Amino acid sequence: MMKNYASRKRILGLVALASVALTMIALLPALFGGETALQIRASRQGITVPDGFYVYQRLNAEGIHIKSITPDKNTLVIKFDSQEQSTAAEKVLRRLLPEGFDIAQLEQSSEWLSRISPHKQSIG
């Protein structure tokens, strides 16, 4: 009877461990990938960033799905669900916007770390 109890306890422990492992595997893409972003900023003084609604309309007309568009200081940050959408949007924006704008991919991989870190770190 004691041997049967220990065997059941071991099996339940393995099932719990397997459940945790599967959950971690399922959450990894959400932590390390998925969302990407572009940042548009004026490279010269006197130029203002394009209107977010205009950018949304133009990218939407090209079949590019946008997760969000947010003005941030003197920039426009556009978030996408995939790297493919972000790359396609960058090509369209380079063709669409006149000279004088910098369009760059933003690093999103460390953003989740800053959300869970209790201390803000500054470099420099």
N, C-alpha and C. Protein backbone atom coordinates (compact mmCIF):
# COMPACT_ATOMS: atom_id res chain seq x y z
N MET A 1 0.82 -1.20 0.00
CA MET A 1 0.00 0.00 0.00
C MET A 1 0.87 1.26 0.00
N MET A 2 1.92 1.26 0.81
CA MET A 2 2.82 2.40 0.87
C MET A 2 3.54 2.59 -0.46
N LYS A 3 3.91 1.52 -1.13
CA LYS A 3 4.59 1.59 -2.42
C LYS A 3 3.66 2.19 -3.48
N ASN A 4 2.38 1.83 -3.45
CA ASN A 4 1.38 2.34 -4.39
C ASN A 4 1.19 3.85 -4.20
N TYR A 5 1.20 4.32 -2.95
CA TYR A 5 1.04 5.74 -2.65
C TYR A 5 2.24 6.54 -3.18
N ALA A 6 3.43 6.03 -2.97
CA ALA A 6 4.64 6.71 -3.44
C ALA A 6 4.67 6.76 -4.96
N SER A 7 4.21 5.71 -5.60
CA SER A 7 4.16 5.66 -7.06
C SER A 7 3.18 6.69 -7.60
N ARG A 8 2.03 6.81 -6.99
CA ARG A 8 1.04 7.81 -7.42
C ARG A 8 1.57 9.23 -7.21
N LYS A 9 2.24 9.43 -6.08
CA LYS A 9 2.79 10.75 -5.78
C LYS A 9 3.85 11.12 -6.82
N ARG A 10 4.68 10.17 -7.22
CA ARG A 10 5.70 10.42 -8.22
C ARG A 10 5.08 10.74 -9.57
N ILE A 11 4.03 10.01 -9.94
CA ILE A 11 3.34 10.26 -11.21
C ILE A 11 2.70 11.64 -11.22
N LEU A 12 2.05 12.02 -10.12
CA LEU A 12 1.44 13.35 -10.03
C LEU A 12 2.51 14.45 -10.12
N GLY A 13 3.66 14.23 -9.52
CA GLY A 13 4.75 15.18 -9.60
C GLY A 13 5.25 15.34 -11.03
N LEU A 14 5.37 14.22 -11.75
CA LEU A 14 5.80 14.27 -13.14
C LEU A 14 4.78 14.97 -14.02
N VAL A 15 3.51 14.73 -13.77
CA VAL A 15 2.45 15.39 -14.54
C VAL A 15 2.48 16.90 -14.28
N ALA A 16 2.67 17.29 -13.03
CA ALA A 16 2.75 18.72 -12.70
C ALA A 16 3.97 19.36 -13.37
N LEU A 17 5.11 18.67 -13.33
CA LEU A 17 6.31 19.18 -13.97
C LEU A 17 6.14 19.31 -15.48
N ALA A 18 5.50 18.33 -16.08
CA ALA A 18 5.24 18.38 -17.52
C ALA A 18 4.30 19.54 -17.87
N SER A 19 3.31 19.78 -17.02
CA SER A 19 2.36 20.89 -17.26
C SER A 19 3.07 22.24 -17.20
N VAL A 20 3.95 22.39 -16.22
CA VAL A 20 4.70 23.64 -16.10
C VAL A 20 5.62 23.82 -17.31
N ALA A 21 6.28 22.75 -17.73
CA ALA A 21 7.18 22.83 -18.89
C ALA A 21 6.41 23.20 -20.15
N LEU A 22 5.26 22.60 -20.37
CA LEU A 22 4.45 22.92 -21.55
C LEU A 22 3.96 24.37 -21.52
N THR A 23 3.59 24.84 -20.35
CA THR A 23 3.16 26.23 -20.22
C THR A 23 4.30 27.19 -20.54
N MET A 24 5.49 26.89 -20.05
CA MET A 24 6.65 27.74 -20.34
C MET A 24 6.96 27.76 -21.84
N ILE A 25 6.88 26.61 -22.47
CA ILE A 25 7.14 26.53 -23.91
C ILE A 25 6.10 27.34 -24.68
N ALA A 26 4.86 27.29 -24.24
CA ALA A 26 3.80 28.04 -24.92
C ALA A 26 3.97 29.54 -24.74
N LEU A 27 4.53 29.98 -23.62
CA LEU A 27 4.68 31.41 -23.36
C LEU A 27 5.96 32.02 -23.92
N LEU A 28 6.94 31.23 -24.27
CA LEU A 28 8.20 31.76 -24.79
C LEU A 28 8.04 32.67 -26.01
N PRO A 29 7.23 32.30 -27.00
CA PRO A 29 7.09 33.23 -28.14
C PRO A 29 6.52 34.58 -27.73
N ALA A 30 5.64 34.60 -26.75
CA ALA A 30 5.08 35.87 -26.30
C ALA A 30 6.13 36.73 -25.61
N LEU A 31 7.08 36.09 -24.95
CA LEU A 31 8.11 36.85 -24.25
C LEU A 31 9.21 37.36 -25.18
N PHE A 32 9.60 36.55 -26.14
CA PHE A 32 10.77 36.87 -26.94
C PHE A 32 10.47 37.28 -28.37
N GLY A 33 9.27 37.23 -28.79
CA GLY A 33 9.02 37.55 -30.19
C GLY A 33 7.66 38.15 -30.39
N GLY A 34 7.23 38.06 -31.59
CA GLY A 34 5.91 38.57 -31.89
C GLY A 34 5.94 40.03 -32.23
N GLU A 35 5.70 40.87 -31.25
CA GLU A 35 5.54 42.29 -31.49
C GLU A 35 6.83 42.95 -31.95
N THR A 36 6.71 43.71 -33.01
CA THR A 36 7.83 44.53 -33.50
C THR A 36 7.32 45.95 -33.69
N ALA A 37 8.24 46.87 -33.85
CA ALA A 37 7.83 48.27 -33.98
C ALA A 37 8.78 49.03 -34.89
N LEU A 38 8.21 50.05 -35.52
CA LEU A 38 8.97 51.01 -36.31
C LEU A 38 8.87 52.37 -35.63
N GLN A 39 9.90 53.15 -35.78
CA GLN A 39 9.88 54.52 -35.27
C GLN A 39 10.17 55.47 -36.43
N ILE A 40 9.31 56.46 -36.58
CA ILE A 40 9.52 57.49 -37.60
C ILE A 40 9.84 58.78 -36.87
N ARG A 41 10.92 59.42 -37.29
CA ARG A 41 11.26 60.73 -36.72
C ARG A 41 11.82 61.63 -37.80
N ALA A 42 11.67 62.91 -37.59
CA ALA A 42 12.20 63.89 -38.54
C ALA A 42 13.71 63.97 -38.36
N SER A 43 14.43 63.95 -39.46
CA SER A 43 15.89 64.02 -39.38
C SER A 43 16.40 65.45 -39.51
N ARG A 44 15.50 66.37 -39.84
CA ARG A 44 15.88 67.79 -39.96
C ARG A 44 14.92 68.64 -39.16
N GLN A 45 15.41 69.77 -38.71
CA GLN A 45 14.55 70.70 -38.00
C GLN A 45 13.53 71.30 -38.96
N GLY A 46 12.36 71.60 -38.43
CA GLY A 46 11.32 72.21 -39.24
C GLY A 46 10.39 71.20 -39.89
N ILE A 47 10.71 69.93 -39.79
CA ILE A 47 9.85 68.88 -40.34
C ILE A 47 9.11 68.21 -39.18
N THR A 48 7.81 68.08 -39.31
CA THR A 48 7.03 67.41 -38.28
C THR A 48 6.75 65.98 -38.72
N VAL A 49 6.56 65.11 -37.74
CA VAL A 49 6.28 63.71 -38.06
C VAL A 49 4.91 63.63 -38.74
N PRO A 50 4.73 62.64 -39.59
CA PRO A 50 3.45 62.52 -40.29
C PRO A 50 2.31 62.20 -39.32
N ASP A 51 1.12 62.53 -39.74
CA ASP A 51 -0.08 62.26 -38.97
C ASP A 51 -0.29 60.74 -38.86
N GLY A 52 -0.56 60.26 -37.67
CA GLY A 52 -0.76 58.84 -37.44
C GLY A 52 -1.91 58.25 -38.23
N PHE A 53 -2.99 59.01 -38.37
CA PHE A 53 -4.14 58.51 -39.12
C PHE A 53 -3.80 58.35 -40.61
N TYR A 54 -3.04 59.29 -41.13
CA TYR A 54 -2.59 59.20 -42.53
C TYR A 54 -1.74 57.95 -42.74
N VAL A 55 -0.80 57.73 -41.84
CA VAL A 55 0.08 56.55 -41.93
C VAL A 55 -0.77 55.28 -41.84
N TYR A 56 -1.70 55.26 -40.89
CA TYR A 56 -2.59 54.10 -40.75
C TYR A 56 -3.35 53.82 -42.04
N GLN A 57 -3.95 54.85 -42.63
CA GLN A 57 -4.72 54.67 -43.87
C GLN A 57 -3.85 54.12 -45.00
N ARG A 58 -2.67 54.67 -45.15
CA ARG A 58 -1.80 54.24 -46.24
C ARG A 58 -1.31 52.80 -46.06
N LEU A 59 -0.93 52.43 -44.84
CA LEU A 59 -0.47 51.07 -44.59
C LEU A 59 -1.63 50.08 -44.69
N ASN A 60 -2.78 50.47 -44.21
CA ASN A 60 -3.97 49.62 -44.30
C ASN A 60 -4.35 49.37 -45.75
N ALA A 61 -4.23 50.40 -46.58
CA ALA A 61 -4.53 50.26 -48.01
C ALA A 61 -3.58 49.27 -48.69
N GLU A 62 -2.38 49.11 -48.13
CA GLU A 62 -1.40 48.15 -48.65
C GLU A 62 -1.57 46.76 -48.05
N GLY A 63 -2.59 46.60 -47.19
CA GLY A 63 -2.84 45.29 -46.56
C GLY A 63 -1.95 44.99 -45.37
N ILE A 64 -1.37 46.03 -44.79
CA ILE A 64 -0.49 45.85 -43.65
C ILE A 64 -1.28 46.12 -42.38
N HIS A 65 -1.34 45.11 -41.50
CA HIS A 65 -2.08 45.22 -40.24
C HIS A 65 -1.23 45.92 -39.19
N ILE A 66 -1.79 46.93 -38.57
CA ILE A 66 -1.11 47.72 -37.56
C ILE A 66 -1.73 47.41 -36.20
N LYS A 67 -0.89 47.14 -35.23
CA LYS A 67 -1.37 46.89 -33.88
C LYS A 67 -1.69 48.21 -33.18
N SER A 68 -0.77 49.19 -33.30
CA SER A 68 -1.02 50.51 -32.70
C SER A 68 -0.08 51.54 -33.32
N ILE A 69 -0.52 52.80 -33.25
CA ILE A 69 0.31 53.93 -33.65
C ILE A 69 0.25 54.92 -32.49
N THR A 70 1.44 55.32 -32.01
CA THR A 70 1.51 56.20 -30.84
C THR A 70 2.51 57.31 -31.08
N PRO A 71 2.08 58.57 -30.94
CA PRO A 71 3.06 59.65 -30.97
C PRO A 71 3.87 59.60 -29.68
N ASP A 72 5.19 59.76 -29.78
CA ASP A 72 6.06 59.70 -28.61
C ASP A 72 7.12 60.78 -28.77
N LYS A 73 6.96 61.89 -28.07
CA LYS A 73 7.82 63.07 -28.18
C LYS A 73 7.80 63.54 -29.63
N ASN A 74 8.90 63.55 -30.31
CA ASN A 74 8.94 63.99 -31.71
C ASN A 74 9.04 62.81 -32.66
N THR A 75 8.43 61.70 -32.28
CA THR A 75 8.45 60.50 -33.11
C THR A 75 7.06 59.90 -33.22
N LEU A 76 6.93 58.96 -34.12
CA LEU A 76 5.71 58.18 -34.27
C LEU A 76 6.12 56.72 -34.17
N VAL A 77 5.57 55.99 -33.21
CA VAL A 77 5.91 54.59 -33.01
C VAL A 77 4.75 53.74 -33.51
N ILE A 78 5.05 52.82 -34.43
CA ILE A 78 4.03 51.96 -35.02
C ILE A 78 4.37 50.53 -34.65
N LYS A 79 3.42 49.85 -33.99
CA LYS A 79 3.65 48.46 -33.56
C LYS A 79 2.89 47.50 -34.46
N PHE A 80 3.52 46.34 -34.67
CA PHE A 80 2.98 45.29 -35.53
C PHE A 80 3.03 43.96 -34.79
N ASP A 81 2.21 43.01 -35.24
CA ASP A 81 2.20 41.69 -34.62
C ASP A 81 3.32 40.79 -35.12
N SER A 82 3.91 41.12 -36.27
CA SER A 82 4.95 40.24 -36.81
C SER A 82 6.05 41.05 -37.47
N GLN A 83 7.20 40.42 -37.58
CA GLN A 83 8.33 41.06 -38.24
C GLN A 83 8.04 41.26 -39.73
N GLU A 84 7.29 40.35 -40.33
CA GLU A 84 6.95 40.47 -41.75
C GLU A 84 6.14 41.73 -42.01
N GLN A 85 5.16 42.00 -41.14
CA GLN A 85 4.34 43.21 -41.29
C GLN A 85 5.20 44.46 -41.11
N SER A 86 6.10 44.42 -40.15
CA SER A 86 6.97 45.55 -39.89
C SER A 86 7.90 45.84 -41.06
N THR A 87 8.47 44.80 -41.63
CA THR A 87 9.36 44.95 -42.78
C THR A 87 8.61 45.50 -43.99
N ALA A 88 7.41 44.97 -44.22
CA ALA A 88 6.60 45.46 -45.34
C ALA A 88 6.23 46.93 -45.14
N ALA A 89 5.88 47.30 -43.91
CA ALA A 89 5.53 48.68 -43.62
C ALA A 89 6.72 49.61 -43.82
N GLU A 90 7.90 49.16 -43.42
CA GLU A 90 9.09 49.98 -43.60
C GLU A 90 9.33 50.27 -45.08
N LYS A 91 9.16 49.27 -45.93
CA LYS A 91 9.34 49.47 -47.37
C LYS A 91 8.34 50.48 -47.92
N VAL A 92 7.08 50.33 -47.51
CA VAL A 92 6.03 51.25 -47.97
C VAL A 92 6.32 52.67 -47.49
N LEU A 93 6.70 52.82 -46.22
CA LEU A 93 6.95 54.15 -45.66
C LEU A 93 8.15 54.82 -46.30
N ARG A 94 9.17 54.07 -46.63
CA ARG A 94 10.33 54.65 -47.31
C ARG A 94 9.95 55.19 -48.69
N ARG A 95 9.01 54.51 -49.33
CA ARG A 95 8.53 54.94 -50.65
C ARG A 95 7.55 56.11 -50.50
N LEU A 96 6.75 56.10 -49.46
CA LEU A 96 5.67 57.05 -49.27
C LEU A 96 6.13 58.40 -48.73
N LEU A 97 6.98 58.37 -47.72
CA LEU A 97 7.36 59.61 -47.04
C LEU A 97 8.48 60.31 -47.79
N PRO A 98 8.45 61.64 -47.80
CA PRO A 98 9.52 62.38 -48.48
C PRO A 98 10.83 62.28 -47.69
N GLU A 99 11.90 62.73 -48.30
CA GLU A 99 13.19 62.76 -47.61
C GLU A 99 13.07 63.61 -46.36
N GLY A 100 13.90 63.31 -45.39
CA GLY A 100 13.86 64.09 -44.16
C GLY A 100 13.29 63.30 -42.99
N PHE A 101 12.95 62.03 -43.22
CA PHE A 101 12.44 61.19 -42.15
C PHE A 101 13.35 59.98 -41.97
N ASP A 102 13.63 59.67 -40.69
CA ASP A 102 14.34 58.44 -40.37
C ASP A 102 13.31 57.40 -39.97
N ILE A 103 13.41 56.23 -40.58
CA ILE A 103 12.51 55.12 -40.26
C ILE A 103 13.39 53.98 -39.77
N ALA A 104 13.15 53.54 -38.55
CA ALA A 104 14.02 52.51 -37.96
C ALA A 104 13.20 51.47 -37.21
N GLN A 105 13.72 50.23 -37.23
CA GLN A 105 13.13 49.16 -36.43
C GLN A 105 13.50 49.41 -34.97
N LEU A 106 12.54 49.23 -34.08
CA LEU A 106 12.80 49.37 -32.65
C LEU A 106 13.01 48.00 -32.03
N GLU A 107 13.92 47.92 -31.11
CA GLU A 107 14.14 46.68 -30.37
C GLU A 107 13.04 46.55 -29.32
N GLN A 108 12.32 45.46 -29.37
CA GLN A 108 11.24 45.22 -28.40
C GLN A 108 11.57 44.10 -27.44
N SER A 109 12.64 43.35 -27.66
CA SER A 109 12.91 42.15 -26.88
C SER A 109 13.16 42.45 -25.41
N SER A 110 13.77 43.60 -25.08
CA SER A 110 14.08 43.88 -23.68
C SER A 110 12.95 44.61 -22.97
N GLU A 111 11.91 44.99 -23.69
CA GLU A 111 10.82 45.74 -23.08
C GLU A 111 10.15 44.95 -21.96
N TRP A 112 9.97 43.66 -22.15
CA TRP A 112 9.31 42.86 -21.11
C TRP A 112 10.17 42.77 -19.86
N LEU A 113 11.50 42.83 -20.01
CA LEU A 113 12.37 42.81 -18.84
C LEU A 113 12.18 44.07 -18.02
N SER A 114 12.03 45.21 -18.68
CA SER A 114 11.86 46.45 -17.94
C SER A 114 10.51 46.49 -17.24
N ARG A 115 9.54 45.77 -17.74
CA ARG A 115 8.24 45.73 -17.09
C ARG A 115 8.28 44.94 -15.79
N ILE A 116 9.12 43.90 -15.73
CA ILE A 116 9.15 43.08 -14.53
C ILE A 116 10.26 43.49 -13.56
N SER A 117 11.17 44.34 -14.00
CA SER A 117 12.27 44.77 -13.15
C SER A 117 11.77 45.87 -12.21
N PRO A 118 12.03 45.73 -10.92
CA PRO A 118 11.57 46.75 -9.99
C PRO A 118 12.39 48.04 -10.03
N HIS A 119 13.60 47.98 -10.63
CA HIS A 119 14.49 49.14 -10.66
C HIS A 119 14.71 49.59 -12.09
N LYS A 120 14.60 50.88 -12.32
CA LYS A 120 14.90 51.45 -13.63
C LYS A 120 16.41 51.60 -13.72
N GLN A 121 16.98 51.21 -14.86
CA GLN A 121 18.41 51.34 -15.05
C GLN A 121 18.66 52.36 -16.13
N SER A 122 19.69 53.15 -15.92
CA SER A 122 20.07 54.10 -16.96
C SER A 122 21.51 53.83 -17.35
N ILE A 123 21.78 54.04 -18.61
CA ILE A 123 23.11 53.82 -19.13
C ILE A 123 23.68 55.16 -19.54
N GLY A 124 24.90 55.40 -19.20
CA GLY A 124 25.54 56.65 -19.62
C GLY A 124 25.87 57.45 -18.50
